[in-house]
Amino acid sequence: MNIASVYDWFVRHCMDAAEQTDNPRQREILLKLAVLWAAAAQQSRDEASPQSMPPNTGGGARSGRRAA
């Protein structure tokens, strides 16, 4: 299980709790939390994707040492 899955779990449970409460202020807070958890999940997925990794720019023969 990755961290994005954990965040998604929080999203689902915040949404469920918001649906069940009769308190408008509590519902608003739970929905805002769900949005924040969803954003965190997406950011985690974006950071884990290979496209977000910087290109390999170091090492090799150009590192100051000559290849033998």
PDB file of N, CA and C in Angstrom:
ATOM      1  N   MET A   1       0.860  -1.184   0.000  1.00  0.00           N
ATOM      2  CA  MET A   1       0.000   0.000   0.000  1.00  0.00           C
ATOM      3  C   MET A   1       0.900   1.239   0.000  1.00  0.00           C
ATOM      4  N   ASN A   2       0.661   2.144  -0.913  1.00  0.00           N
ATOM      5  CA  ASN A   2       1.447   3.376  -0.964  1.00  0.00           C
ATOM      6  C   ASN A   2       0.735   4.500  -0.216  1.00  0.00           C
ATOM      7  N   ILE A   3       1.423   5.594  -0.023  1.00  0.00           N
ATOM      8  CA  ILE A   3       0.874   6.696   0.771  1.00  0.00           C
ATOM      9  C   ILE A   3      -0.365   7.312   0.103  1.00  0.00           C
ATOM     10  N   ALA A   4      -0.400   7.338  -1.221  1.00  0.00           N
ATOM     11  CA  ALA A   4      -1.571   7.883  -1.920  1.00  0.00           C
ATOM     12  C   ALA A   4      -2.823   7.075  -1.583  1.00  0.00           C
ATOM     13  N   SER A   5      -2.673   5.769  -1.420  1.00  0.00           N
ATOM     14  CA  SER A   5      -3.816   4.929  -1.049  1.00  0.00           C
ATOM     15  C   SER A   5      -4.320   5.260   0.356  1.00  0.00           C
ATOM     16  N   VAL A   6      -3.393   5.565   1.245  1.00  0.00           N
ATOM     17  CA  VAL A   6      -3.777   5.965   2.600  1.00  0.00           C
ATOM     18  C   VAL A   6      -4.547   7.281   2.542  1.00  0.00           C
ATOM     19  N   TYR A   7      -4.045   8.232   1.757  1.00  0.00           N
ATOM     20  CA  TYR A   7      -4.742   9.514   1.610  1.00  0.00           C
ATOM     21  C   TYR A   7      -6.138   9.307   1.027  1.00  0.00           C
ATOM     22  N   ASP A   8      -6.250   8.410   0.049  1.00  0.00           N
ATOM     23  CA  ASP A   8      -7.558   8.117  -0.546  1.00  0.00           C
ATOM     24  C   ASP A   8      -8.516   7.546   0.491  1.00  0.00           C
ATOM     25  N   TRP A   9      -7.995   6.740   1.410  1.00  0.00           N
ATOM     26  CA  TRP A   9      -8.821   6.198   2.493  1.00  0.00           C
ATOM     27  C   TRP A   9      -9.405   7.335   3.329  1.00  0.00           C
ATOM     28  N   PHE A  10      -8.558   8.336   3.647  1.00  0.00           N
ATOM     29  CA  PHE A  10      -9.035   9.485   4.411  1.00  0.00           C
ATOM     30  C   PHE A  10     -10.092  10.271   3.626  1.00  0.00           C
ATOM     31  N   VAL A  11      -9.898  10.398   2.323  1.00  0.00           N
ATOM     32  CA  VAL A  11     -10.888  11.094   1.487  1.00  0.00           C
ATOM     33  C   VAL A  11     -12.245  10.410   1.614  1.00  0.00           C
ATOM     34  N   ARG A  12     -12.247   9.100   1.422  1.00  0.00           N
ATOM     35  CA  ARG A  12     -13.517   8.352   1.475  1.00  0.00           C
ATOM     36  C   ARG A  12     -14.194   8.498   2.834  1.00  0.00           C
ATOM     37  N   HIS A  13     -13.419   8.404   3.890  1.00  0.00           N
ATOM     38  CA  HIS A  13     -14.026   8.469   5.221  1.00  0.00           C
ATOM     39  C   HIS A  13     -14.490   9.876   5.587  1.00  0.00           C
ATOM     40  N   CYS A  14     -13.783  10.879   5.124  1.00  0.00           N
ATOM     41  CA  CYS A  14     -14.264  12.257   5.337  1.00  0.00           C
ATOM     42  C   CYS A  14     -15.562  12.488   4.579  1.00  0.00           C
ATOM     43  N   MET A  15     -15.634  11.984   3.356  1.00  0.00           N
ATOM     44  CA  MET A  15     -16.852  12.135   2.561  1.00  0.00           C
ATOM     45  C   MET A  15     -18.019  11.394   3.210  1.00  0.00           C
ATOM     46  N   ASP A  16     -17.762  10.185   3.686  1.00  0.00           N
ATOM     47  CA  ASP A  16     -18.817   9.417   4.359  1.00  0.00           C
ATOM     48  C   ASP A  16     -19.309  10.142   5.608  1.00  0.00           C
ATOM     49  N   ALA A  17     -18.378  10.646   6.402  1.00  0.00           N
ATOM     50  CA  ALA A  17     -18.761  11.346   7.634  1.00  0.00           C
ATOM     51  C   ALA A  17     -19.539  12.623   7.309  1.00  0.00           C
ATOM     52  N   ALA A  18     -19.121  13.326   6.258  1.00  0.00           N
ATOM     53  CA  ALA A  18     -19.820  14.556   5.865  1.00  0.00           C
ATOM     54  C   ALA A  18     -21.249  14.243   5.436  1.00  0.00           C
ATOM     55  N   GLU A  19     -21.416  13.122   4.773  1.00  0.00           N
ATOM     56  CA  GLU A  19     -22.745  12.720   4.322  1.00  0.00           C
ATOM     57  C   GLU A  19     -23.654  12.357   5.496  1.00  0.00           C
ATOM     58  N   GLN A  20     -23.095  11.863   6.567  1.00  0.00           N
ATOM     59  CA  GLN A  20     -23.888  11.381   7.695  1.00  0.00           C
ATOM     60  C   GLN A  20     -24.203  12.442   8.743  1.00  0.00           C
ATOM     61  N   THR A  21     -23.439  13.540   8.769  1.00  0.00           N
ATOM     62  CA  THR A  21     -23.651  14.528   9.819  1.00  0.00           C
ATOM     63  C   THR A  21     -24.812  15.466   9.493  1.00  0.00           C
ATOM     64  N   ASP A  22     -25.448  15.940  10.537  1.00  0.00           N
ATOM     65  CA  ASP A  22     -26.521  16.922  10.377  1.00  0.00           C
ATOM     66  C   ASP A  22     -26.026  18.342  10.652  1.00  0.00           C
ATOM     67  N   ASN A  23     -24.799  18.452  11.103  1.00  0.00           N
ATOM     68  CA  ASN A  23     -24.219  19.745  11.472  1.00  0.00           C
ATOM     69  C   ASN A  23     -23.559  20.370  10.235  1.00  0.00           C
ATOM     70  N   PRO A  24     -24.095  21.494   9.742  1.00  0.00           N
ATOM     71  CA  PRO A  24     -23.553  22.105   8.527  1.00  0.00           C
ATOM     72  C   PRO A  24     -22.077  22.514   8.652  1.00  0.00           C
ATOM     73  N   ARG A  25     -21.682  23.017   9.808  1.00  0.00           N
ATOM     74  CA  ARG A  25     -20.285  23.435  10.000  1.00  0.00           C
ATOM     75  C   ARG A  25     -19.352  22.224   9.974  1.00  0.00           C
ATOM     76  N   GLN A  26     -19.757  21.158  10.617  1.00  0.00           N
ATOM     77  CA  GLN A  26     -18.961  19.936  10.616  1.00  0.00           C
ATOM     78  C   GLN A  26     -18.859  19.357   9.205  1.00  0.00           C
ATOM     79  N   ARG A  27     -19.983  19.398   8.462  1.00  0.00           N
ATOM     80  CA  ARG A  27     -19.979  18.913   7.082  1.00  0.00           C
ATOM     81  C   ARG A  27     -18.998  19.717   6.236  1.00  0.00           C
ATOM     82  N   GLU A  28     -19.013  21.034   6.403  1.00  0.00           N
ATOM     83  CA  GLU A  28     -18.096  21.903   5.649  1.00  0.00           C
ATOM     84  C   GLU A  28     -16.636  21.561   5.942  1.00  0.00           C
ATOM     85  N   ILE A  29     -16.327  21.361   7.200  1.00  0.00           N
ATOM     86  CA  ILE A  29     -14.951  21.029   7.586  1.00  0.00           C
ATOM     87  C   ILE A  29     -14.538  19.679   7.003  1.00  0.00           C
ATOM     88  N   LEU A  30     -15.420  18.697   7.100  1.00  0.00           N
ATOM     89  CA  LEU A  30     -15.100  17.371   6.573  1.00  0.00           C
ATOM     90  C   LEU A  30     -14.895  17.398   5.056  1.00  0.00           C
ATOM     91  N   LEU A  31     -15.711  18.170   4.351  1.00  0.00           N
ATOM     92  CA  LEU A  31     -15.551  18.268   2.896  1.00  0.00           C
ATOM     93  C   LEU A  31     -14.251  18.983   2.525  1.00  0.00           C
ATOM     94  N   LYS A  32     -13.887  20.008   3.300  1.00  0.00           N
ATOM     95  CA  LYS A  32     -12.608  20.685   3.046  1.00  0.00           C
ATOM     96  C   LYS A  32     -11.441  19.738   3.298  1.00  0.00           C
ATOM     97  N   LEU A  33     -11.552  18.940   4.347  1.00  0.00           N
ATOM     98  CA  LEU A  33     -10.502  17.956   4.618  1.00  0.00           C
ATOM     99  C   LEU A  33     -10.398  16.935   3.484  1.00  0.00           C
ATOM    100  N   ALA A  34     -11.535  16.511   2.966  1.00  0.00           N
ATOM    101  CA  ALA A  34     -11.527  15.553   1.859  1.00  0.00           C
ATOM    102  C   ALA A  34     -10.805  16.136   0.642  1.00  0.00           C
ATOM    103  N   VAL A  35     -11.040  17.407   0.368  1.00  0.00           N
ATOM    104  CA  VAL A  35     -10.362  18.068  -0.761  1.00  0.00           C
ATOM    105  C   VAL A  35      -8.850  18.110  -0.516  1.00  0.00           C
ATOM    106  N   LEU A  36      -8.458  18.437   0.704  1.00  0.00           N
ATOM    107  CA  LEU A  36      -7.027  18.497   1.022  1.00  0.00           C
ATOM    108  C   LEU A  36      -6.371  17.121   0.929  1.00  0.00           C
ATOM    109  N   TRP A  37      -7.051  16.094   1.435  1.00  0.00           N
ATOM    110  CA  TRP A  37      -6.505  14.738   1.329  1.00  0.00           C
ATOM    111  C   TRP A  37      -6.397  14.303  -0.137  1.00  0.00           C
ATOM    112  N   ALA A  38      -7.391  14.660  -0.940  1.00  0.00           N
ATOM    113  CA  ALA A  38      -7.356  14.302  -2.358  1.00  0.00           C
ATOM    114  C   ALA A  38      -6.184  14.992  -3.061  1.00  0.00           C
ATOM    115  N   ALA A  39      -5.936  16.241  -2.717  1.00  0.00           N
ATOM    116  CA  ALA A  39      -4.803  16.960  -3.307  1.00  0.00           C
ATOM    117  C   ALA A  39      -3.483  16.320  -2.888  1.00  0.00           C
ATOM    118  N   ALA A  40      -3.396  15.914  -1.636  1.00  0.00           N
ATOM    119  CA  ALA A  40      -2.182  15.256  -1.157  1.00  0.00           C
ATOM    120  C   ALA A  40      -1.967  13.922  -1.875  1.00  0.00           C
ATOM    121  N   ALA A  41      -3.042  13.189  -2.105  1.00  0.00           N
ATOM    122  CA  ALA A  41      -2.940  11.920  -2.829  1.00  0.00           C
ATOM    123  C   ALA A  41      -2.447  12.151  -4.249  1.00  0.00           C
ATOM    124  N   GLN A  42      -2.999  13.152  -4.910  1.00  0.00           N
ATOM    125  CA  GLN A  42      -2.580  13.442  -6.278  1.00  0.00           C
ATOM    126  C   GLN A  42      -1.122  13.883  -6.331  1.00  0.00           C
ATOM    127  N   GLN A  43      -0.724  14.722  -5.404  1.00  0.00           N
ATOM    128  CA  GLN A  43       0.669  15.171  -5.362  1.00  0.00           C
ATOM    129  C   GLN A  43       1.604  13.985  -5.132  1.00  0.00           C
ATOM    130  N   SER A  44       1.214  13.085  -4.264  1.00  0.00           N
ATOM    131  CA  SER A  44       2.020  11.900  -4.002  1.00  0.00           C
ATOM    132  C   SER A  44       2.160  11.049  -5.262  1.00  0.00           C
ATOM    133  N   ARG A  45       1.063  10.906  -5.995  1.00  0.00           N
ATOM    134  CA  ARG A  45       1.127  10.138  -7.249  1.00  0.00           C
ATOM    135  C   ARG A  45       2.011  10.836  -8.278  1.00  0.00           C
ATOM    136  N   ASP A  46       1.889  12.160  -8.363  1.00  0.00           N
ATOM    137  CA  ASP A  46       2.701  12.913  -9.320  1.00  0.00           C
ATOM    138  C   ASP A  46       4.188  12.785  -9.005  1.00  0.00           C
ATOM    139  N   GLU A  47       4.525  12.846  -7.723  1.00  0.00           N
ATOM    140  CA  GLU A  47       5.926  12.751  -7.320  1.00  0.00           C
ATOM    141  C   GLU A  47       6.474  11.347  -7.532  1.00  0.00           C
ATOM    142  N   ALA A  48       5.618  10.346  -7.480  1.00  0.00           N
ATOM    143  CA  ALA A  48       6.054   8.964  -7.643  1.00  0.00           C
ATOM    144  C   ALA A  48       6.157   8.552  -9.113  1.00  0.00           C
ATOM    145  N   SER A  49       5.570   9.336 -10.010  1.00  0.00           N
ATOM    146  CA  SER A  49       5.594   8.956 -11.422  1.00  0.00           C
ATOM    147  C   SER A  49       6.976   9.181 -12.008  1.00  0.00           C
ATOM    148  N   PRO A  50       7.389   8.323 -12.930  1.00  0.00           N
ATOM    149  CA  PRO A  50       8.721   8.459 -13.545  1.00  0.00           C
ATOM    150  C   PRO A  50       8.895   9.777 -14.295  1.00  0.00           C
ATOM    151  N   GLN A  51       7.812  10.369 -14.770  1.00  0.00           N
ATOM    152  CA  GLN A  51       7.907  11.624 -15.511  1.00  0.00           C
ATOM    153  C   GLN A  51       8.354  12.774 -14.623  1.00  0.00           C
ATOM    154  N   SER A  52       8.118  12.675 -13.318  1.00  0.00           N
ATOM    155  CA  SER A  52       8.471  13.768 -12.430  1.00  0.00           C
ATOM    156  C   SER A  52       9.914  13.677 -11.957  1.00  0.00           C
ATOM    157  N   MET A  53      10.600  12.594 -12.289  1.00  0.00           N
ATOM    158  CA  MET A  53      11.982  12.423 -11.871  1.00  0.00           C
ATOM    159  C   MET A  53      12.896  13.258 -12.767  1.00  0.00           C
ATOM    160  N   PRO A  54      13.858  13.966 -12.184  1.00  0.00           N
ATOM    161  CA  PRO A  54      14.776  14.747 -13.007  1.00  0.00           C
ATOM    162  C   PRO A  54      15.677  13.825 -13.814  1.00  0.00           C
ATOM    163  N   PRO A  55      16.132  14.295 -14.969  1.00  0.00           N
ATOM    164  CA  PRO A  55      17.013  13.462 -15.785  1.00  0.00           C
ATOM    165  C   PRO A  55      18.326  13.206 -15.060  1.00  0.00           C
ATOM    166  N   ASN A  56      18.962  12.104 -15.373  1.00  0.00           N
ATOM    167  CA  ASN A  56      20.243  11.756 -14.766  1.00  0.00           C
ATOM    168  C   ASN A  56      21.318  12.645 -15.378  1.00  0.00           C
ATOM    169  N   THR A  57      21.810  13.588 -14.589  1.00  0.00           N
ATOM    170  CA  THR A  57      22.780  14.548 -15.118  1.00  0.00           C
ATOM    171  C   THR A  57      24.167  14.372 -14.527  1.00  0.00           C
ATOM    172  N   GLY A  58      24.336  13.445 -13.632  1.00  0.00           N
ATOM    173  CA  GLY A  58      25.643  13.322 -12.974  1.00  0.00           C
ATOM    174  C   GLY A  58      26.332  12.029 -13.318  1.00  0.00           C
ATOM    175  N   GLY A  59      27.561  11.914 -12.826  1.00  0.00           N
ATOM    176  CA  GLY A  59      28.314  10.670 -12.942  1.00  0.00           C
ATOM    177  C   GLY A  59      28.934  10.482 -14.303  1.00  0.00           C
ATOM    178  N   GLY A  60      29.272   9.252 -14.573  1.00  0.00           N
ATOM    179  CA  GLY A  60      29.867   8.921 -15.854  1.00  0.00           C
ATOM    180  C   GLY A  60      31.311   9.392 -15.949  1.00  0.00           C
ATOM    181  N   ALA A  61      31.846   9.419 -17.152  1.00  0.00           N
ATOM    182  CA  ALA A  61      33.236   9.808 -17.393  1.00  0.00           C
ATOM    183  C   ALA A  61      33.473  11.282 -17.166  1.00  0.00           C
ATOM    184  N   ARG A  62      32.412  12.091 -17.122  1.00  0.00           N
ATOM    185  CA  ARG A  62      32.569  13.523 -16.944  1.00  0.00           C
ATOM    186  C   ARG A  62      32.649  13.940 -15.478  1.00  0.00           C
ATOM    187  N   SER A  63      32.723  13.016 -14.563  1.00  0.00           N
ATOM    188  CA  SER A  63      32.673  13.349 -13.146  1.00  0.00           C
ATOM    189  C   SER A  63      34.004  13.822 -12.593  1.00  0.00           C
ATOM    190  N   GLY A  64      34.979  14.047 -13.451  1.00  0.00           N
ATOM    191  CA  GLY A  64      36.258  14.537 -12.981  1.00  0.00           C
ATOM    192  C   GLY A  64      37.320  13.447 -12.971  1.00  0.00           C
ATOM    193  N   ARG A  65      36.902  12.227 -13.084  1.00  0.00           N
ATOM    194  CA  ARG A  65      37.843  11.120 -13.129  1.00  0.00           C
ATOM    195  C   ARG A  65      37.873  10.569 -14.538  1.00  0.00           C
ATOM    196  N   ARG A  66      39.005  10.212 -14.968  1.00  0.00           N
ATOM    197  CA  ARG A  66      39.124   9.619 -16.301  1.00  0.00           C
ATOM    198  C   ARG A  66      38.888   8.124 -16.236  1.00  0.00           C
ATOM    199  N   ALA A  67      38.244   7.617 -17.245  1.00  0.00           N
ATOM    200  CA  ALA A  67      38.027   6.184 -17.321  1.00  0.00           C
ATOM    201  C   ALA A  67      39.340   5.511 -17.649  1.00  0.00           C
ATOM    202  N   ALA A  68      39.624   4.386 -17.039  1.00  0.00           N
ATOM    203  CA  ALA A  68      40.901   3.673 -17.260  1.00  0.00           C
ATOM    204  C   ALA A  68      40.853   2.824 -18.486  1.00  0.00           C
TER     205      ALA A  68
END
